[in-house]
Amino acid sequence: MGISIITRNYQLTLPKDVREMKNFKRGDKVLFVVQEDIIQIKKVSKNLIQETAGLWKGLEKTGIEYQKDVRKGWKKRSY
């Protein structure tokens, strides 16, 4: 474990022991999970990216249309 400094471009360098422990390689994609004051950095599997690519294709509604419909439901339920 170690400490890293945020650069002026808001970049972080993973400490060597963390990179080796979790087998991070140059070009790997990571997911930042924020829960209150804790930030987790998780390696994203390449299969996950391929599996979720085009997830919305072929649906009847676009993401924006779906979001608008959900929000309409919120207005109906407000008391």
PDB file of N, CA and C in Angstrom:
ATOM      1  N   MET A   1       0.843  -1.172   0.000  1.00  0.00           N
ATOM      2  CA  MET A   1       0.000   0.000   0.000  1.00  0.00           C
ATOM      3  C   MET A   1       0.887   1.233   0.000  1.00  0.00           C
ATOM      4  N   GLY A   2       0.364   2.328  -0.476  1.00  0.00           N
ATOM      5  CA  GLY A   2       1.172   3.525  -0.548  1.00  0.00           C
ATOM      6  C   GLY A   2       0.333   4.770  -0.719  1.00  0.00           C
ATOM      7  N   ILE A   3       1.010   5.870  -0.877  1.00  0.00           N
ATOM      8  CA  ILE A   3       0.371   7.168  -1.063  1.00  0.00           C
ATOM      9  C   ILE A   3       0.725   7.663  -2.456  1.00  0.00           C
ATOM     10  N   SER A   4      -0.239   8.306  -3.103  1.00  0.00           N
ATOM     11  CA  SER A   4      -0.026   8.865  -4.428  1.00  0.00           C
ATOM     12  C   SER A   4      -0.466  10.322  -4.413  1.00  0.00           C
ATOM     13  N   ILE A   5       0.123  11.125  -5.267  1.00  0.00           N
ATOM     14  CA  ILE A   5      -0.204  12.546  -5.361  1.00  0.00           C
ATOM     15  C   ILE A   5      -1.009  12.779  -6.633  1.00  0.00           C
ATOM     16  N   ILE A   6      -2.040  13.615  -6.533  1.00  0.00           N
ATOM     17  CA  ILE A   6      -2.824  13.990  -7.705  1.00  0.00           C
ATOM     18  C   ILE A   6      -2.056  15.084  -8.440  1.00  0.00           C
ATOM     19  N   THR A   7      -1.809  14.868  -9.738  1.00  0.00           N
ATOM     20  CA  THR A   7      -1.053  15.839 -10.533  1.00  0.00           C
ATOM     21  C   THR A   7      -1.946  17.003 -10.940  1.00  0.00           C
ATOM     22  N   ARG A   8      -1.343  17.998 -11.590  1.00  0.00           N
ATOM     23  CA  ARG A   8      -2.131  19.159 -12.024  1.00  0.00           C
ATOM     24  C   ARG A   8      -3.174  18.776 -13.068  1.00  0.00           C
ATOM     25  N   ASN A   9      -2.990  17.634 -13.720  1.00  0.00           N
ATOM     26  CA  ASN A   9      -3.978  17.121 -14.682  1.00  0.00           C
ATOM     27  C   ASN A   9      -4.936  16.133 -14.027  1.00  0.00           C
ATOM     28  N   TYR A  10      -4.957  16.099 -12.692  1.00  0.00           N
ATOM     29  CA  TYR A  10      -5.826  15.212 -11.905  1.00  0.00           C
ATOM     30  C   TYR A  10      -5.558  13.741 -12.185  1.00  0.00           C
ATOM     31  N   GLN A  11      -4.307  13.391 -12.420  1.00  0.00           N
ATOM     32  CA  GLN A  11      -3.926  12.002 -12.648  1.00  0.00           C
ATOM     33  C   GLN A  11      -3.292  11.431 -11.394  1.00  0.00           C
ATOM     34  N   LEU A  12      -3.452  10.125 -11.216  1.00  0.00           N
ATOM     35  CA  LEU A  12      -2.850   9.403 -10.099  1.00  0.00           C
ATOM     36  C   LEU A  12      -1.917   8.335 -10.640  1.00  0.00           C
ATOM     37  N   THR A  13      -0.861   8.038  -9.910  1.00  0.00           N
ATOM     38  CA  THR A  13       0.000   6.908 -10.221  1.00  0.00           C
ATOM     39  C   THR A  13      -0.259   5.842  -9.172  1.00  0.00           C
ATOM     40  N   LEU A  14      -0.611   4.642  -9.622  1.00  0.00           N
ATOM     41  CA  LEU A  14      -0.804   3.547  -8.669  1.00  0.00           C
ATOM     42  C   LEU A  14       0.556   3.112  -8.143  1.00  0.00           C
ATOM     43  N   PRO A  15       0.690   2.977  -6.838  1.00  0.00           N
ATOM     44  CA  PRO A  15       1.963   2.513  -6.290  1.00  0.00           C
ATOM     45  C   PRO A  15       2.337   1.139  -6.860  1.00  0.00           C
ATOM     46  N   LYS A  16       3.632   0.901  -7.001  1.00  0.00           N
ATOM     47  CA  LYS A  16       4.130  -0.326  -7.621  1.00  0.00           C
ATOM     48  C   LYS A  16       3.584  -1.576  -6.946  1.00  0.00           C
ATOM     49  N   ASP A  17       3.553  -1.606  -5.607  1.00  0.00           N
ATOM     50  CA  ASP A  17       3.073  -2.812  -4.925  1.00  0.00           C
ATOM     51  C   ASP A  17       1.597  -3.068  -5.209  1.00  0.00           C
ATOM     52  N   VAL A  18       0.796  -2.005  -5.367  1.00  0.00           N
ATOM     53  CA  VAL A  18      -0.628  -2.164  -5.701  1.00  0.00           C
ATOM     54  C   VAL A  18      -0.765  -2.681  -7.127  1.00  0.00           C
ATOM     55  N   ARG A  19       0.007  -2.105  -8.062  1.00  0.00           N
ATOM     56  CA  ARG A  19      -0.043  -2.564  -9.462  1.00  0.00           C
ATOM     57  C   ARG A  19       0.297  -4.041  -9.558  1.00  0.00           C
ATOM     58  N   GLU A  20       1.338  -4.453  -8.851  1.00  0.00           N
ATOM     59  CA  GLU A  20       1.765  -5.852  -8.915  1.00  0.00           C
ATOM     60  C   GLU A  20       0.774  -6.771  -8.209  1.00  0.00           C
ATOM     61  N   MET A  21       0.239  -6.323  -7.071  1.00  0.00           N
ATOM     62  CA  MET A  21      -0.689  -7.145  -6.302  1.00  0.00           C
ATOM     63  C   MET A  21      -1.961  -7.447  -7.099  1.00  0.00           C
ATOM     64  N   LYS A  22      -2.461  -6.447  -7.826  1.00  0.00           N
ATOM     65  CA  LYS A  22      -3.707  -6.601  -8.586  1.00  0.00           C
ATOM     66  C   LYS A  22      -3.474  -6.756 -10.082  1.00  0.00           C
ATOM     67  N   ASN A  23      -2.205  -6.876 -10.484  1.00  0.00           N
ATOM     68  CA  ASN A  23      -1.838  -7.123 -11.880  1.00  0.00           C
ATOM     69  C   ASN A  23      -2.385  -6.058 -12.840  1.00  0.00           C
ATOM     70  N   PHE A  24      -2.272  -4.783 -12.455  1.00  0.00           N
ATOM     71  CA  PHE A  24      -2.665  -3.698 -13.346  1.00  0.00           C
ATOM     72  C   PHE A  24      -1.609  -3.548 -14.433  1.00  0.00           C
ATOM     73  N   LYS A  25      -2.068  -3.373 -15.657  1.00  0.00           N
ATOM     74  CA  LYS A  25      -1.181  -3.161 -16.803  1.00  0.00           C
ATOM     75  C   LYS A  25      -1.555  -1.850 -17.479  1.00  0.00           C
ATOM     76  N   ARG A  26      -0.621  -1.273 -18.212  1.00  0.00           N
ATOM     77  CA  ARG A  26      -0.894  -0.051 -18.963  1.00  0.00           C
ATOM     78  C   ARG A  26      -2.051  -0.307 -19.923  1.00  0.00           C
ATOM     79  N   GLY A  27      -3.018   0.599 -19.947  1.00  0.00           N
ATOM     80  CA  GLY A  27      -4.169   0.467 -20.833  1.00  0.00           C
ATOM     81  C   GLY A  27      -5.368  -0.212 -20.194  1.00  0.00           C
ATOM     82  N   ASP A  28      -5.202  -0.796 -18.995  1.00  0.00           N
ATOM     83  CA  ASP A  28      -6.344  -1.400 -18.299  1.00  0.00           C
ATOM     84  C   ASP A  28      -7.374  -0.326 -17.977  1.00  0.00           C
ATOM     85  N   LYS A  29      -8.630  -0.707 -17.993  1.00  0.00           N
ATOM     86  CA  LYS A  29      -9.700   0.211 -17.610  1.00  0.00           C
ATOM     87  C   LYS A  29     -10.031  -0.032 -16.145  1.00  0.00           C
ATOM     88  N   VAL A  30     -10.348   1.059 -15.440  1.00  0.00           N
ATOM     89  CA  VAL A  30     -10.695   0.954 -14.027  1.00  0.00           C
ATOM     90  C   VAL A  30     -12.035   1.628 -13.775  1.00  0.00           C
ATOM     91  N   LEU A  31     -12.697   1.188 -12.735  1.00  0.00           N
ATOM     92  CA  LEU A  31     -13.980   1.737 -12.312  1.00  0.00           C
ATOM     93  C   LEU A  31     -13.773   2.382 -10.956  1.00  0.00           C
ATOM     94  N   PHE A  32     -14.245   3.611 -10.800  1.00  0.00           N
ATOM     95  CA  PHE A  32     -14.169   4.302  -9.517  1.00  0.00           C
ATOM     96  C   PHE A  32     -15.524   4.177  -8.835  1.00  0.00           C
ATOM     97  N   VAL A  33     -15.547   3.583  -7.657  1.00  0.00           N
ATOM     98  CA  VAL A  33     -16.770   3.406  -6.877  1.00  0.00           C
ATOM     99  C   VAL A  33     -16.662   4.323  -5.664  1.00  0.00           C
ATOM    100  N   VAL A  34     -17.599   5.274  -5.542  1.00  0.00           N
ATOM    101  CA  VAL A  34     -17.561   6.246  -4.454  1.00  0.00           C
ATOM    102  C   VAL A  34     -18.689   5.947  -3.476  1.00  0.00           C
ATOM    103  N   GLN A  35     -18.324   5.768  -2.215  1.00  0.00           N
ATOM    104  CA  GLN A  35     -19.293   5.542  -1.148  1.00  0.00           C
ATOM    105  C   GLN A  35     -18.895   6.431   0.017  1.00  0.00           C
ATOM    106  N   GLU A  36     -19.641   7.514   0.199  1.00  0.00           N
ATOM    107  CA  GLU A  36     -19.345   8.519   1.218  1.00  0.00           C
ATOM    108  C   GLU A  36     -17.913   9.012   1.064  1.00  0.00           C
ATOM    109  N   ASP A  37     -17.031   8.760   2.040  1.00  0.00           N
ATOM    110  CA  ASP A  37     -15.664   9.277   1.942  1.00  0.00           C
ATOM    111  C   ASP A  37     -14.657   8.221   1.488  1.00  0.00           C
ATOM    112  N   ILE A  38     -15.149   7.108   0.939  1.00  0.00           N
ATOM    113  CA  ILE A  38     -14.279   6.025   0.465  1.00  0.00           C
ATOM    114  C   ILE A  38     -14.373   5.937  -1.059  1.00  0.00           C
ATOM    115  N   ILE A  39     -13.225   5.886  -1.720  1.00  0.00           N
ATOM    116  CA  ILE A  39     -13.174   5.704  -3.174  1.00  0.00           C
ATOM    117  C   ILE A  39     -12.442   4.400  -3.449  1.00  0.00           C
ATOM    118  N   GLN A  40     -13.124   3.471  -4.122  1.00  0.00           N
ATOM    119  CA  GLN A  40     -12.511   2.197  -4.494  1.00  0.00           C
ATOM    120  C   GLN A  40     -12.148   2.249  -5.975  1.00  0.00           C
ATOM    121  N   ILE A  41     -11.013   1.687  -6.318  1.00  0.00           N
ATOM    122  CA  ILE A  41     -10.597   1.577  -7.714  1.00  0.00           C
ATOM    123  C   ILE A  41     -10.613   0.096  -8.058  1.00  0.00           C
ATOM    124  N   LYS A  42     -11.470  -0.270  -9.022  1.00  0.00           N
ATOM    125  CA  LYS A  42     -11.611  -1.676  -9.391  1.00  0.00           C
ATOM    126  C   LYS A  42     -11.222  -1.865 -10.848  1.00  0.00           C
ATOM    127  N   LYS A  43     -10.486  -2.915 -11.105  1.00  0.00           N
ATOM    128  CA  LYS A  43     -10.100  -3.262 -12.470  1.00  0.00           C
ATOM    129  C   LYS A  43     -11.343  -3.789 -13.189  1.00  0.00           C
ATOM    130  N   VAL A  44     -11.595  -3.275 -14.388  1.00  0.00           N
ATOM    131  CA  VAL A  44     -12.760  -3.686 -15.170  1.00  0.00           C
ATOM    132  C   VAL A  44     -12.336  -4.801 -16.105  1.00  0.00           C
ATOM    133  N   SER A  45     -13.070  -5.896 -16.064  1.00  0.00           N
ATOM    134  CA  SER A  45     -12.742  -7.018 -16.937  1.00  0.00           C
ATOM    135  C   SER A  45     -13.058  -6.651 -18.384  1.00  0.00           C
ATOM    136  N   LYS A  46     -12.213  -7.065 -19.300  1.00  0.00           N
ATOM    137  CA  LYS A  46     -12.433  -6.765 -20.714  1.00  0.00           C
ATOM    138  C   LYS A  46     -13.719  -7.411 -21.205  1.00  0.00           C
ATOM    139  N   ASN A  47     -14.080  -8.551 -20.636  1.00  0.00           N
ATOM    140  CA  ASN A  47     -15.322  -9.214 -21.026  1.00  0.00           C
ATOM    141  C   ASN A  47     -16.532  -8.375 -20.643  1.00  0.00           C
ATOM    142  N   LEU A  48     -16.478  -7.695 -19.503  1.00  0.00           N
ATOM    143  CA  LEU A  48     -17.586  -6.856 -19.066  1.00  0.00           C
ATOM    144  C   LEU A  48     -17.840  -5.744 -20.072  1.00  0.00           C
ATOM    145  N   ILE A  49     -16.788  -5.144 -20.575  1.00  0.00           N
ATOM    146  CA  ILE A  49     -16.934  -4.070 -21.558  1.00  0.00           C
ATOM    147  C   ILE A  49     -17.573  -4.613 -22.831  1.00  0.00           C
ATOM    148  N   GLN A  50     -17.120  -5.770 -23.299  1.00  0.00           N
ATOM    149  CA  GLN A  50     -17.681  -6.364 -24.512  1.00  0.00           C
ATOM    150  C   GLN A  50     -19.134  -6.780 -24.303  1.00  0.00           C
ATOM    151  N   GLU A  51     -19.450  -7.317 -23.122  1.00  0.00           N
ATOM    152  CA  GLU A  51     -20.805  -7.781 -22.849  1.00  0.00           C
ATOM    153  C   GLU A  51     -21.802  -6.634 -22.769  1.00  0.00           C
ATOM    154  N   THR A  52     -21.375  -5.479 -22.274  1.00  0.00           N
ATOM    155  CA  THR A  52     -22.305  -4.366 -22.099  1.00  0.00           C
ATOM    156  C   THR A  52     -22.314  -3.401 -23.278  1.00  0.00           C
ATOM    157  N   ALA A  53     -21.414  -3.570 -24.224  1.00  0.00           N
ATOM    158  CA  ALA A  53     -21.393  -2.697 -25.398  1.00  0.00           C
ATOM    159  C   ALA A  53     -22.693  -2.863 -26.173  1.00  0.00           C
ATOM    160  N   GLY A  54     -23.321  -1.752 -26.506  1.00  0.00           N
ATOM    161  CA  GLY A  54     -24.567  -1.792 -27.264  1.00  0.00           C
ATOM    162  C   GLY A  54     -25.755  -2.293 -26.476  1.00  0.00           C
ATOM    163  N   LEU A  55     -25.706  -2.149 -25.179  1.00  0.00           N
ATOM    164  CA  LEU A  55     -26.764  -2.663 -24.311  1.00  0.00           C
ATOM    165  C   LEU A  55     -28.135  -2.084 -24.655  1.00  0.00           C
ATOM    166  N   TRP A  56     -28.177  -0.831 -25.080  1.00  0.00           N
ATOM    167  CA  TRP A  56     -29.452  -0.168 -25.360  1.00  0.00           C
ATOM    168  C   TRP A  56     -29.922  -0.384 -26.801  1.00  0.00           C
ATOM    169  N   LYS A  57     -29.123  -1.033 -27.639  1.00  0.00           N
ATOM    170  CA  LYS A  57     -29.520  -1.231 -29.039  1.00  0.00           C
ATOM    171  C   LYS A  57     -30.785  -2.076 -29.121  1.00  0.00           C
ATOM    172  N   GLY A  58     -31.657  -1.698 -30.034  1.00  0.00           N
ATOM    173  CA  GLY A  58     -32.850  -2.488 -30.283  1.00  0.00           C
ATOM    174  C   GLY A  58     -33.995  -2.236 -29.315  1.00  0.00           C
ATOM    175  N   LEU A  59     -33.814  -1.365 -28.350  1.00  0.00           N
ATOM    176  CA  LEU A  59     -34.907  -1.061 -27.434  1.00  0.00           C
ATOM    177  C   LEU A  59     -35.868  -0.087 -28.091  1.00  0.00           C
ATOM    178  N   GLU A  60     -37.130  -0.134 -27.662  1.00  0.00           N
ATOM    179  CA  GLU A  60     -38.142   0.729 -28.263  1.00  0.00           C
ATOM    180  C   GLU A  60     -37.914   2.196 -27.925  1.00  0.00           C
ATOM    181  N   LYS A  61     -37.402   2.471 -26.726  1.00  0.00           N
ATOM    182  CA  LYS A  61     -37.185   3.848 -26.289  1.00  0.00           C
ATOM    183  C   LYS A  61     -35.691   4.137 -26.203  1.00  0.00           C
ATOM    184  N   THR A  62     -35.352   5.400 -26.403  1.00  0.00           N
ATOM    185  CA  THR A  62     -33.974   5.815 -26.153  1.00  0.00           C
ATOM    186  C   THR A  62     -33.803   5.988 -24.648  1.00  0.00           C
ATOM    187  N   GLY A  63     -32.585   6.127 -24.214  1.00  0.00           N
ATOM    188  CA  GLY A  63     -32.320   6.349 -22.797  1.00  0.00           C
ATOM    189  C   GLY A  63     -32.987   7.615 -22.290  1.00  0.00           C
ATOM    190  N   ILE A  64     -32.999   8.656 -23.110  1.00  0.00           N
ATOM    191  CA  ILE A  64     -33.617   9.928 -22.717  1.00  0.00           C
ATOM    192  C   ILE A  64     -35.126   9.764 -22.596  1.00  0.00           C
ATOM    193  N   GLU A  65     -35.754   9.057 -23.529  1.00  0.00           N
ATOM    194  CA  GLU A  65     -37.204   8.823 -23.452  1.00  0.00           C
ATOM    195  C   GLU A  65     -37.556   8.019 -22.208  1.00  0.00           C
ATOM    196  N   TYR A  66     -36.765   7.015 -21.907  1.00  0.00           N
ATOM    197  CA  TYR A  66     -36.992   6.203 -20.710  1.00  0.00           C
ATOM    198  C   TYR A  66     -36.895   7.068 -19.461  1.00  0.00           C
ATOM    199  N   GLN A  67     -35.884   7.909 -19.405  1.00  0.00           N
ATOM    200  CA  GLN A  67     -35.686   8.790 -18.249  1.00  0.00           C
ATOM    201  C   GLN A  67     -36.871   9.745 -18.089  1.00  0.00           C
ATOM    202  N   LYS A  68     -37.364  10.315 -19.181  1.00  0.00           N
ATOM    203  CA  LYS A  68     -38.515  11.223 -19.115  1.00  0.00           C
ATOM    204  C   LYS A  68     -39.748  10.494 -18.589  1.00  0.00           C
ATOM    205  N   ASP A  69     -39.978   9.266 -19.038  1.00  0.00           N
ATOM    206  CA  ASP A  69     -41.122   8.486 -18.560  1.00  0.00           C
ATOM    207  C   ASP A  69     -41.021   8.205 -17.066  1.00  0.00           C
ATOM    208  N   VAL A  70     -39.830   7.880 -16.601  1.00  0.00           N
ATOM    209  CA  VAL A  70     -39.632   7.630 -15.168  1.00  0.00           C
ATOM    210  C   VAL A  70     -39.941   8.891 -14.378  1.00  0.00           C
ATOM    211  N   ARG A  71     -39.473  10.029 -14.854  1.00  0.00           N
ATOM    212  CA  ARG A  71     -39.709  11.293 -14.147  1.00  0.00           C
ATOM    213  C   ARG A  71     -41.180  11.682 -14.159  1.00  0.00           C
ATOM    214  N   LYS A  72     -41.910  11.359 -15.225  1.00  0.00           N
ATOM    215  CA  LYS A  72     -43.354  11.619 -15.245  1.00  0.00           C
ATOM    216  C   LYS A  72     -44.033  10.855 -14.124  1.00  0.00           C
ATOM    217  N   GLY A  73     -43.600   9.630 -13.899  1.00  0.00           N
ATOM    218  CA  GLY A  73     -44.147   8.821 -12.812  1.00  0.00           C
ATOM    219  C   GLY A  73     -43.889   9.447 -11.453  1.00  0.00           C
ATOM    220  N   TRP A  74     -42.758  10.103 -11.285  1.00  0.00           N
ATOM    221  CA  TRP A  74     -42.448  10.775 -10.022  1.00  0.00           C
ATOM    222  C   TRP A  74     -43.453  11.894  -9.765  1.00  0.00           C
ATOM    223  N   LYS A  75     -43.790  12.652 -10.814  1.00  0.00           N
ATOM    224  CA  LYS A  75     -44.721  13.771 -10.658  1.00  0.00           C
ATOM    225  C   LYS A  75     -46.111  13.271 -10.286  1.00  0.00           C
ATOM    226  N   LYS A  76     -46.516  12.138 -10.845  1.00  0.00           N
ATOM    227  CA  LYS A  76     -47.839  11.592 -10.550  1.00  0.00           C
ATOM    228  C   LYS A  76     -47.940  11.143  -9.101  1.00  0.00           C
ATOM    229  N   ARG A  77     -46.855  10.637  -8.539  1.00  0.00           N
ATOM    230  CA  ARG A  77     -46.884  10.096  -7.186  1.00  0.00           C
ATOM    231  C   ARG A  77     -46.666  11.143  -6.101  1.00  0.00           C
ATOM    232  N   SER A  78     -46.245  12.345  -6.460  1.00  0.00           N
ATOM    233  CA  SER A  78     -45.980  13.338  -5.412  1.00  0.00           C
ATOM    234  C   SER A  78     -47.297  13.806  -4.799  1.00  0.00           C
ATOM    235  N   TYR A  79     -47.292  13.977  -3.491  1.00  0.00           N
ATOM    236  CA  TYR A  79     -48.521  14.318  -2.763  1.00  0.00           C
ATOM    237  C   TYR A  79     -48.551  15.772  -2.397  1.00  0.00           C
TER     238      TYR A  79
END
